[in-house]
PDB file of all heavy atoms in Angstrom:
ATOM      1  N   ALA A   1       0.873  -1.167   0.000  1.00  0.00           N
ATOM      2  CA  ALA A   1       0.000   0.000   0.000  1.00  0.00           C
ATOM      3  C   ALA A   1       0.916   1.224   0.000  1.00  0.00           C
ATOM      4  O   ALA A   1       1.805   1.329  -0.828  1.00  0.00           O
ATOM      5  CB  ALA A   1      -0.937  -0.026   1.207  1.00  0.00           C
ATOM      6  N   ASP A   2       0.719   2.143   0.936  1.00  0.00           N
ATOM      7  CA  ASP A   2       1.617   3.285   1.060  1.00  0.00           C
ATOM      8  C   ASP A   2       2.802   2.936   1.946  1.00  0.00           C
ATOM      9  O   ASP A   2       2.761   1.992   2.743  1.00  0.00           O
ATOM     10  CB  ASP A   2       0.875   4.485   1.660  1.00  0.00           C
ATOM     11  CG  ASP A   2      -0.020   5.176   0.634  1.00  0.00           C
ATOM     12  OD1 ASP A   2      -0.011   4.745  -0.540  1.00  0.00           O
ATOM     13  OD2 ASP A   2      -0.720   6.126   1.011  1.00  0.00           O
ATOM     14  N   GLY A   3       3.846   3.738   1.812  1.00  0.00           N
ATOM     15  CA  GLY A   3       5.011   3.619   2.682  1.00  0.00           C
ATOM     16  C   GLY A   3       5.385   4.996   3.194  1.00  0.00           C
ATOM     17  O   GLY A   3       4.990   6.023   2.621  1.00  0.00           O
ATOM     18  N   LEU A   4       6.161   5.042   4.266  1.00  0.00           N
ATOM     19  CA  LEU A   4       6.547   6.308   4.874  1.00  0.00           C
ATOM     20  C   LEU A   4       7.921   6.157   5.512  1.00  0.00           C
ATOM     21  O   LEU A   4       8.170   5.188   6.221  1.00  0.00           O
ATOM     22  CB  LEU A   4       5.525   6.714   5.943  1.00  0.00           C
ATOM     23  CG  LEU A   4       5.832   7.971   6.761  1.00  0.00           C
ATOM     24  CD1 LEU A   4       5.800   9.214   5.866  1.00  0.00           C
ATOM     25  CD2 LEU A   4       4.835   8.129   7.901  1.00  0.00           C
ATOM     26  N   GLY A   5       8.818   7.117   5.236  1.00  0.00           N
ATOM     27  CA  GLY A   5      10.146   7.081   5.820  1.00  0.00           C
ATOM     28  C   GLY A   5      10.615   8.460   6.229  1.00  0.00           C
ATOM     29  O   GLY A   5      10.362   9.444   5.532  1.00  0.00           O
ATOM     30  N   PHE A   6      11.311   8.556   7.377  1.00  0.00           N
ATOM     31  CA  PHE A   6      11.805   9.830   7.882  1.00  0.00           C
ATOM     32  C   PHE A   6      12.802   9.562   9.008  1.00  0.00           C
ATOM     33  O   PHE A   6      13.080   8.397   9.342  1.00  0.00           O
ATOM     34  CB  PHE A   6      10.653  10.713   8.396  1.00  0.00           C
ATOM     35  CG  PHE A   6       9.797  10.050   9.442  1.00  0.00           C
ATOM     36  CD1 PHE A   6      10.044  10.244  10.803  1.00  0.00           C
ATOM     37  CD2 PHE A   6       8.748   9.222   9.077  1.00  0.00           C
ATOM     38  CE1 PHE A   6       9.267   9.627  11.761  1.00  0.00           C
ATOM     39  CE2 PHE A   6       7.957   8.599  10.043  1.00  0.00           C
ATOM     40  CZ  PHE A   6       8.222   8.800  11.381  1.00  0.00           C
ATOM     41  N   VAL A   7      13.329  10.621   9.597  1.00  0.00           N
ATOM     42  CA  VAL A   7      14.260  10.499  10.717  1.00  0.00           C
ATOM     43  C   VAL A   7      13.592  11.070  11.962  1.00  0.00           C
ATOM     44  O   VAL A   7      12.992  12.145  11.924  1.00  0.00           O
ATOM     45  CB  VAL A   7      15.582  11.246  10.433  1.00  0.00           C
ATOM     46  CG1 VAL A   7      16.486  11.227  11.668  1.00  0.00           C
ATOM     47  CG2 VAL A   7      16.297  10.614   9.253  1.00  0.00           C
ATOM     48  N   ARG A   8      13.705  10.371  13.051  1.00  0.00           N
ATOM     49  CA  ARG A   8      13.142  10.838  14.324  1.00  0.00           C
ATOM     50  C   ARG A   8      14.272  11.108  15.305  1.00  0.00           C
ATOM     51  O   ARG A   8      15.347  10.504  15.267  1.00  0.00           O
ATOM     52  CB  ARG A   8      12.199   9.798  14.921  1.00  0.00           C
ATOM     53  CG  ARG A   8      12.853   8.457  15.153  1.00  0.00           C
ATOM     54  CD  ARG A   8      12.170   7.666  16.230  1.00  0.00           C
ATOM     55  NE  ARG A   8      12.344   8.251  17.541  1.00  0.00           N
ATOM     56  CZ  ARG A   8      12.210   7.566  18.677  1.00  0.00           C
ATOM     57  NH1 ARG A   8      11.907   6.287  18.653  1.00  0.00           N
ATOM     58  NH2 ARG A   8      12.376   8.150  19.840  1.00  0.00           N
ATOM     59  N   GLY A   9      14.006  12.027  16.211  1.00  0.00           N
ATOM     60  CA  GLY A   9      14.937  12.309  17.292  1.00  0.00           C
ATOM     61  C   GLY A   9      14.424  11.698  18.580  1.00  0.00           C
ATOM     62  O   GLY A   9      13.461  10.938  18.600  1.00  0.00           O
ATOM     63  N   GLY A  10      15.094  12.051  19.681  1.00  0.00           N
ATOM     64  CA  GLY A  10      14.624  11.584  20.979  1.00  0.00           C
ATOM     65  C   GLY A  10      14.883  10.129  21.272  1.00  0.00           C
ATOM     66  O   GLY A  10      14.291   9.566  22.199  1.00  0.00           O
ATOM     67  N   TRP A  11      15.766   9.479  20.485  1.00  0.00           N
ATOM     68  CA  TRP A  11      16.099   8.090  20.763  1.00  0.00           C
ATOM     69  C   TRP A  11      17.106   8.082  21.908  1.00  0.00           C
ATOM     70  O   TRP A  11      18.250   8.460  21.737  1.00  0.00           O
ATOM     71  CB  TRP A  11      16.678   7.450  19.510  1.00  0.00           C
ATOM     72  CG  TRP A  11      16.787   5.960  19.575  1.00  0.00           C
ATOM     73  CD1 TRP A  11      16.091   5.123  20.390  1.00  0.00           C
ATOM     74  CD2 TRP A  11      17.646   5.139  18.777  1.00  0.00           C
ATOM     75  NE1 TRP A  11      16.449   3.827  20.160  1.00  0.00           N
ATOM     76  CE2 TRP A  11      17.405   3.787  19.167  1.00  0.00           C
ATOM     77  CE3 TRP A  11      18.578   5.383  17.776  1.00  0.00           C
ATOM     78  CZ2 TRP A  11      18.073   2.723  18.594  1.00  0.00           C
ATOM     79  CZ3 TRP A  11      19.233   4.312  17.206  1.00  0.00           C
ATOM     80  CH2 TRP A  11      18.994   3.004  17.602  1.00  0.00           C
ATOM     81  N   GLN A  12      16.667   7.663  23.046  1.00  0.00           N
ATOM     82  CA  GLN A  12      17.463   7.832  24.259  1.00  0.00           C
ATOM     83  C   GLN A  12      18.809   7.118  24.176  1.00  0.00           C
ATOM     84  O   GLN A  12      18.893   5.950  23.798  1.00  0.00           O
ATOM     85  CB  GLN A  12      16.683   7.326  25.474  1.00  0.00           C
ATOM     86  CG  GLN A  12      15.461   8.165  25.802  1.00  0.00           C
ATOM     87  CD  GLN A  12      14.804   7.734  27.089  1.00  0.00           C
ATOM     88  OE1 GLN A  12      15.249   6.817  27.766  1.00  0.00           O
ATOM     89  NE2 GLN A  12      13.737   8.414  27.460  1.00  0.00           N
ATOM     90  N   ASN A  13      19.849   7.856  24.538  1.00  0.00           N
ATOM     91  CA  ASN A  13      21.216   7.338  24.601  1.00  0.00           C
ATOM     92  C   ASN A  13      21.931   8.106  25.717  1.00  0.00           C
ATOM     93  O   ASN A  13      22.714   9.019  25.456  1.00  0.00           O
ATOM     94  CB  ASN A  13      21.938   7.520  23.267  1.00  0.00           C
ATOM     95  CG  ASN A  13      23.280   6.800  23.223  1.00  0.00           C
ATOM     96  OD1 ASN A  13      23.700   6.171  24.193  1.00  0.00           O
ATOM     97  ND2 ASN A  13      23.963   6.896  22.094  1.00  0.00           N
ATOM     98  N   PRO A  14      21.632   7.755  26.981  1.00  0.00           N
ATOM     99  CA  PRO A  14      22.152   8.535  28.113  1.00  0.00           C
ATOM    100  C   PRO A  14      23.667   8.690  28.074  1.00  0.00           C
ATOM    101  O   PRO A  14      24.408   7.713  27.969  1.00  0.00           O
ATOM    102  CB  PRO A  14      21.714   7.700  29.338  1.00  0.00           C
ATOM    103  CG  PRO A  14      20.552   6.903  28.844  1.00  0.00           C
ATOM    104  CD  PRO A  14      20.833   6.608  27.406  1.00  0.00           C
ATOM    105  N   GLN A  15      24.112   9.965  28.111  1.00  0.00           N
ATOM    106  CA  GLN A  15      25.532  10.314  28.114  1.00  0.00           C
ATOM    107  C   GLN A  15      26.276   9.720  26.915  1.00  0.00           C
ATOM    108  O   GLN A  15      27.480   9.525  26.956  1.00  0.00           O
ATOM    109  CB  GLN A  15      26.191   9.859  29.422  1.00  0.00           C
ATOM    110  CG  GLN A  15      25.592  10.524  30.649  1.00  0.00           C
ATOM    111  CD  GLN A  15      26.260  10.070  31.935  1.00  0.00           C
ATOM    112  OE1 GLN A  15      27.089   9.164  31.938  1.00  0.00           O
ATOM    113  NE2 GLN A  15      25.917  10.725  33.030  1.00  0.00           N
ATOM    114  N   LEU A  16      25.523   9.440  25.850  1.00  0.00           N
ATOM    115  CA  LEU A  16      26.098   8.888  24.614  1.00  0.00           C
ATOM    116  C   LEU A  16      26.965   7.658  24.902  1.00  0.00           C
ATOM    117  O   LEU A  16      28.037   7.462  24.314  1.00  0.00           O
ATOM    118  CB  LEU A  16      26.910   9.962  23.887  1.00  0.00           C
ATOM    119  CG  LEU A  16      26.110  11.195  23.426  1.00  0.00           C
ATOM    120  CD1 LEU A  16      27.027  12.194  22.754  1.00  0.00           C
ATOM    121  CD2 LEU A  16      24.986  10.777  22.481  1.00  0.00           C
ATOM    122  N   MET A  17      26.482   6.814  25.800  1.00  0.00           N
ATOM    123  CA  MET A  17      27.240   5.623  26.174  1.00  0.00           C
ATOM    124  C   MET A  17      27.249   4.583  25.058  1.00  0.00           C
ATOM    125  O   MET A  17      28.190   3.799  24.939  1.00  0.00           O
ATOM    126  CB  MET A  17      26.656   5.023  27.456  1.00  0.00           C
ATOM    127  CG  MET A  17      26.791   5.925  28.685  1.00  0.00           C
ATOM    128  SD  MET A  17      26.089   5.167  30.165  1.00  0.00           S
ATOM    129  CE  MET A  17      27.135   3.735  30.360  1.00  0.00           C
ATOM    130  N   LEU A  18      26.203   4.565  24.233  1.00  0.00           N
ATOM    131  CA  LEU A  18      26.152   3.626  23.118  1.00  0.00           C
ATOM    132  C   LEU A  18      26.781   4.256  21.877  1.00  0.00           C
ATOM    133  O   LEU A  18      26.706   5.480  21.694  1.00  0.00           O
ATOM    134  CB  LEU A  18      24.695   3.236  22.827  1.00  0.00           C
ATOM    135  CG  LEU A  18      23.951   2.557  23.988  1.00  0.00           C
ATOM    136  CD1 LEU A  18      22.504   2.322  23.623  1.00  0.00           C
ATOM    137  CD2 LEU A  18      24.628   1.235  24.346  1.00  0.00           C
ATOM    138  N   PRO A  19      27.382   3.460  21.002  1.00  0.00           N
ATOM    139  CA  PRO A  19      28.050   4.002  19.812  1.00  0.00           C
ATOM    140  C   PRO A  19      27.063   4.386  18.716  1.00  0.00           C
ATOM    141  O   PRO A  19      27.082   3.855  17.599  1.00  0.00           O
ATOM    142  CB  PRO A  19      28.960   2.844  19.380  1.00  0.00           C
ATOM    143  CG  PRO A  19      28.229   1.616  19.823  1.00  0.00           C
ATOM    144  CD  PRO A  19      27.575   1.994  21.123  1.00  0.00           C
ATOM    145  N   ARG A  20      26.161   5.278  19.032  1.00  0.00           N
ATOM    146  CA  ARG A  20      25.177   5.773  18.059  1.00  0.00           C
ATOM    147  C   ARG A  20      24.680   7.127  18.523  1.00  0.00           C
ATOM    148  O   ARG A  20      24.928   7.551  19.652  1.00  0.00           O
ATOM    149  CB  ARG A  20      24.008   4.804  17.935  1.00  0.00           C
ATOM    150  CG  ARG A  20      23.242   4.586  19.249  1.00  0.00           C
ATOM    151  CD  ARG A  20      21.944   3.867  19.012  1.00  0.00           C
ATOM    152  NE  ARG A  20      21.229   3.554  20.241  1.00  0.00           N
ATOM    153  CZ  ARG A  20      20.499   4.410  20.950  1.00  0.00           C
ATOM    154  NH1 ARG A  20      20.393   5.671  20.537  1.00  0.00           N
ATOM    155  NH2 ARG A  20      19.884   4.038  22.059  1.00  0.00           N
ATOM    156  N   SER A  21      23.945   7.804  17.638  1.00  0.00           N
ATOM    157  CA  SER A  21      23.391   9.100  17.997  1.00  0.00           C
ATOM    158  C   SER A  21      22.001   8.925  18.603  1.00  0.00           C
ATOM    159  O   SER A  21      21.527   7.806  18.786  1.00  0.00           O
ATOM    160  CB  SER A  21      23.304   9.986  16.748  1.00  0.00           C
ATOM    161  OG  SER A  21      22.254   9.538  15.901  1.00  0.00           O
ATOM    162  N   THR A  22      21.356  10.048  18.881  1.00  0.00           N
ATOM    163  CA  THR A  22      19.986  10.010  19.390  1.00  0.00           C
ATOM    164  C   THR A  22      18.974  10.119  18.251  1.00  0.00           C
ATOM    165  O   THR A  22      17.778  10.217  18.494  1.00  0.00           O
ATOM    166  CB  THR A  22      19.750  11.154  20.388  1.00  0.00           C
ATOM    167  OG1 THR A  22      20.022  12.400  19.743  1.00  0.00           O
ATOM    168  CG2 THR A  22      20.644  10.998  21.606  1.00  0.00           C
ATOM    169  N   LEU A  23      19.469  10.105  17.000  1.00  0.00           N
ATOM    170  CA  LEU A  23      18.599  10.122  15.833  1.00  0.00           C
ATOM    171  C   LEU A  23      18.453   8.703  15.295  1.00  0.00           C
ATOM    172  O   LEU A  23      19.358   7.882  15.407  1.00  0.00           O
ATOM    173  CB  LEU A  23      19.170  11.025  14.735  1.00  0.00           C
ATOM    174  CG  LEU A  23      19.379  12.494  15.097  1.00  0.00           C
ATOM    175  CD1 LEU A  23      19.983  13.240  13.915  1.00  0.00           C
ATOM    176  CD2 LEU A  23      18.070  13.143  15.513  1.00  0.00           C
ATOM    177  N   GLN A  24      17.318   8.443  14.686  1.00  0.00           N
ATOM    178  CA  GLN A  24      17.054   7.114  14.146  1.00  0.00           C
ATOM    179  C   GLN A  24      16.209   7.229  12.883  1.00  0.00           C
ATOM    180  O   GLN A  24      15.172   7.910  12.875  1.00  0.00           O
ATOM    181  CB  GLN A  24      16.325   6.250  15.178  1.00  0.00           C
ATOM    182  CG  GLN A  24      16.086   4.812  14.714  1.00  0.00           C
ATOM    183  CD  GLN A  24      15.305   4.008  15.742  1.00  0.00           C
ATOM    184  OE1 GLN A  24      14.352   4.502  16.328  1.00  0.00           O
ATOM    185  NE2 GLN A  24      15.699   2.763  15.945  1.00  0.00           N
ATOM    186  N   ALA A  25      16.653   6.572  11.835  1.00  0.00           N
ATOM    187  CA  ALA A  25      15.853   6.499  10.609  1.00  0.00           C
ATOM    188  C   ALA A  25      14.798   5.408  10.774  1.00  0.00           C
ATOM    189  O   ALA A  25      15.115   4.273  11.139  1.00  0.00           O
ATOM    190  CB  ALA A  25      16.746   6.201   9.412  1.00  0.00           C
ATOM    191  N   VAL A  26      13.541   5.756  10.521  1.00  0.00           N
ATOM    192  CA  VAL A  26      12.455   4.786  10.658  1.00  0.00           C
ATOM    193  C   VAL A  26      11.583   4.824   9.414  1.00  0.00           C
ATOM    194  O   VAL A  26      11.574   5.817   8.670  1.00  0.00           O
ATOM    195  CB  VAL A  26      11.586   5.077  11.907  1.00  0.00           C
ATOM    196  CG1 VAL A  26      12.396   4.933  13.173  1.00  0.00           C
ATOM    197  CG2 VAL A  26      10.966   6.461  11.832  1.00  0.00           C
ATOM    198  N   ALA A  27      10.864   3.761   9.188  1.00  0.00           N
ATOM    199  CA  ALA A  27       9.967   3.691   8.040  1.00  0.00           C
ATOM    200  C   ALA A  27       8.818   2.745   8.360  1.00  0.00           C
ATOM    201  O   ALA A  27       8.925   1.878   9.237  1.00  0.00           O
ATOM    202  CB  ALA A  27      10.717   3.226   6.793  1.00  0.00           C
ATOM    203  N   TYR A  28       7.725   2.917   7.629  1.00  0.00           N
ATOM    204  CA  TYR A  28       6.535   2.089   7.809  1.00  0.00           C
ATOM    205  C   TYR A  28       6.068   1.578   6.447  1.00  0.00           C
ATOM    206  O   TYR A  28       6.143   2.290   5.451  1.00  0.00           O
ATOM    207  CB  TYR A  28       5.406   2.881   8.474  1.00  0.00           C
ATOM    208  CG  TYR A  28       5.673   3.219   9.920  1.00  0.00           C
ATOM    209  CD1 TYR A  28       6.423   4.337  10.271  1.00  0.00           C
ATOM    210  CD2 TYR A  28       5.192   2.400  10.932  1.00  0.00           C
ATOM    211  CE1 TYR A  28       6.684   4.638  11.597  1.00  0.00           C
ATOM    212  CE2 TYR A  28       5.440   2.697  12.266  1.00  0.00           C
ATOM    213  CZ  TYR A  28       6.184   3.813  12.592  1.00  0.00           C
ATOM    214  OH  TYR A  28       6.444   4.100  13.909  1.00  0.00           O
ATOM    215  N   ARG A  29       5.583   0.336   6.445  1.00  0.00           N
ATOM    216  CA  ARG A  29       5.064  -0.245   5.207  1.00  0.00           C
ATOM    217  C   ARG A  29       4.063  -1.348   5.549  1.00  0.00           C
ATOM    218  O   ARG A  29       3.971  -1.791   6.711  1.00  0.00           O
ATOM    219  CB  ARG A  29       6.204  -0.817   4.371  1.00  0.00           C
ATOM    220  CG  ARG A  29       6.842  -2.081   4.967  1.00  0.00           C
ATOM    221  CD  ARG A  29       8.001  -2.568   4.137  1.00  0.00           C
ATOM    222  NE  ARG A  29       8.587  -3.790   4.699  1.00  0.00           N
ATOM    223  CZ  ARG A  29       9.707  -4.342   4.267  1.00  0.00           C
ATOM    224  NH1 ARG A  29      10.392  -3.754   3.271  1.00  0.00           N
ATOM    225  NH2 ARG A  29      10.165  -5.458   4.816  1.00  0.00           N
ATOM    226  N   LEU A  30       3.357  -1.805   4.521  1.00  0.00           N
ATOM    227  CA  LEU A  30       2.391  -2.898   4.672  1.00  0.00           C
ATOM    228  C   LEU A  30       2.838  -4.052   3.789  1.00  0.00           C
ATOM    229  O   LEU A  30       3.008  -3.886   2.581  1.00  0.00           O
ATOM    230  CB  LEU A  30       0.987  -2.436   4.268  1.00  0.00           C
ATOM    231  CG  LEU A  30      -0.134  -3.485   4.396  1.00  0.00           C
ATOM    232  CD1 LEU A  30      -0.379  -3.812   5.858  1.00  0.00           C
ATOM    233  CD2 LEU A  30      -1.424  -2.980   3.749  1.00  0.00           C
TER     234      LEU A  30
END
């Protein structure tokens, strides 16, 4: 059907302890 893709913020990573940012690319599909 339709699809949707974008980047979201607010992905928790306290004190940047994990080797990634607080941004995450996400998408939706059927």
